[in-house]
Protein backbone atom coordinates (compact mmCIF):
# COMPACT_ATOMS: atom_id res chain seq x y z
CA MET A 1 -1.86 -23.48 -35.68
CA SER A 2 1.70 -23.24 -35.58
CA ASP A 3 3.78 -23.70 -33.02
CA THR A 4 7.06 -22.15 -34.68
CA ILE A 5 7.71 -18.61 -35.62
CA LYS A 6 10.09 -16.77 -38.29
CA ILE A 7 11.97 -14.46 -37.42
CA THR A 8 15.16 -13.04 -39.33
CA VAL A 9 18.81 -11.82 -37.52
CA ILE A 10 21.19 -9.93 -39.06
CA ASP A 11 24.33 -10.81 -37.82
CA ARG A 12 27.36 -8.06 -36.92
CA GLU A 13 28.72 -8.87 -40.39
CA GLY A 14 25.63 -8.18 -41.98
CA VAL A 15 24.93 -12.30 -42.54
CA SER A 16 20.75 -12.86 -43.08
CA HIS A 17 19.68 -15.83 -40.54
CA GLU A 18 16.02 -16.60 -40.65
CA LEU A 19 15.21 -18.26 -37.67
CA GLU A 20 12.64 -20.77 -36.80
CA ALA A 21 11.20 -19.57 -32.64
CA PRO A 22 8.81 -22.40 -31.15
CA THR A 23 5.79 -19.83 -29.17
CA ASP A 24 5.29 -22.91 -26.70
CA MET A 25 8.00 -23.33 -24.94
CA ASN A 26 8.68 -20.07 -23.38
CA MET A 27 11.54 -18.69 -24.49
CA ASN A 28 13.43 -15.41 -25.19
CA LEU A 29 14.56 -13.72 -28.14
CA MET A 30 18.54 -14.16 -26.58
CA GLU A 31 18.45 -17.92 -25.91
CA VAL A 32 16.34 -18.56 -29.83
CA CYS A 33 19.57 -16.74 -30.99
CA LYS A 34 21.86 -18.65 -29.20
CA SER A 35 20.35 -22.32 -30.46
CA TYR A 36 21.22 -20.89 -33.50
CA GLU A 37 25.00 -20.53 -32.19
CA LEU A 38 24.59 -16.59 -33.79
CA PRO A 39 27.16 -14.45 -31.26
CA VAL A 40 24.77 -13.18 -28.79
CA LYS A 41 26.72 -13.87 -25.31
CA GLY A 42 23.70 -13.57 -22.81
CA THR A 43 25.89 -13.89 -20.02
CA CYS A 44 23.14 -12.77 -17.60
CA GLY A 45 21.11 -15.23 -18.66
CA GLY A 46 18.79 -13.40 -19.01
CA MET A 47 18.15 -10.61 -16.51
CA ALA A 48 19.10 -7.31 -18.16
CA LEU A 49 21.94 -7.55 -16.29
CA CYS A 50 24.33 -6.69 -19.27
CA SER A 51 23.97 -5.53 -22.67
CA THR A 52 25.36 -8.67 -24.29
CA CYS A 53 21.74 -8.92 -26.53
CA HIS A 54 20.96 -5.70 -27.65
CA CYS A 55 19.98 -5.98 -30.96
CA TYR A 56 17.95 -3.12 -32.81
CA VAL A 57 14.15 -4.30 -33.79
CA GLN A 58 14.41 -3.20 -37.46
CA THR A 59 9.71 -3.76 -37.96
CA GLU A 60 7.07 -2.61 -36.78
CA HIS A 61 6.22 -5.20 -34.43
CA GLU A 62 3.99 -4.46 -31.17
CA LEU A 63 6.90 -5.17 -28.56
CA PRO A 64 6.08 -5.13 -24.92
CA GLU A 65 6.76 -2.22 -23.18
CA MET A 66 10.48 -1.62 -21.36
CA SER A 67 11.15 -2.58 -17.86
CA GLU A 68 13.24 -0.17 -16.04
CA ASP A 69 15.39 -2.87 -16.01
CA GLU A 70 15.75 -2.84 -19.45
CA GLU A 71 16.02 0.69 -19.65
CA ASP A 72 18.23 1.19 -17.34
CA MET A 73 21.19 -1.00 -18.76
CA LEU A 74 20.49 0.39 -22.74
CA ASP A 75 21.52 3.65 -21.15
CA GLN A 76 24.84 2.19 -20.01
CA ALA A 77 25.36 0.39 -23.55
CA PHE A 78 27.43 1.06 -26.40
CA PHE A 79 25.47 1.97 -29.63
CA VAL A 80 22.11 2.45 -28.47
CA ASP A 81 19.03 3.99 -30.90
CA ASP A 82 16.45 5.42 -29.08
CA GLU A 83 14.46 4.35 -31.88
CA THR A 84 15.15 0.48 -31.91
CA SER A 85 17.23 -1.11 -28.88
CA ARG A 86 15.89 -3.47 -26.84
CA LEU A 87 17.66 -6.21 -24.81
CA GLY A 88 16.41 -9.62 -27.13
CA CYS A 89 16.35 -11.56 -23.57
CA GLN A 90 13.33 -9.31 -22.73
CA LEU A 91 11.84 -10.35 -25.74
CA PRO A 92 9.37 -12.78 -25.49
CA ILE A 93 8.45 -15.78 -28.18
CA ASN A 94 5.41 -15.57 -29.15
CA LEU A 95 3.01 -15.26 -32.14
CA GLU A 96 2.67 -12.13 -32.09
CA LEU A 97 7.07 -11.85 -33.47
CA ASP A 98 6.64 -13.81 -36.41
CA GLY A 99 8.23 -12.23 -39.38
CA LEU A 100 10.08 -9.38 -36.68
CA VAL A 101 13.84 -8.29 -38.17
CA VAL A 102 16.23 -7.86 -35.79
CA LYS A 103 20.25 -6.58 -36.76
CA LEU A 104 22.33 -7.56 -33.63
CA ALA A 105 24.61 -4.64 -31.97
CA PRO A 106 28.79 -4.15 -31.68
CA GLU A 107 29.79 -6.09 -29.56
CA SER A 108 31.80 -2.66 -27.81
CA GLU A 109 33.55 0.69 -28.99
């Protein structure tokens, strides 16, 4: 059994990045993106208090249910898609996310 999964992140210019993410380090998607120096700020440090890690989920993975804090933050974010928008800081890396594809949302209007 592997301790890493593969996640594809499409950046704001449309370039696809295949990332390896460890499942045994208690990381979230925002932290993985930052470790690869992708343009995800994570200004609030992963507390669902900003939307600088806003992304669109492109695959049909079973994701954790959104918390009220995440819903509230997305209500204030730009370019939200009710079907696919999530905050990367609220998506913990686990084996079930293997093959996940996300696209980074635009930063602002």
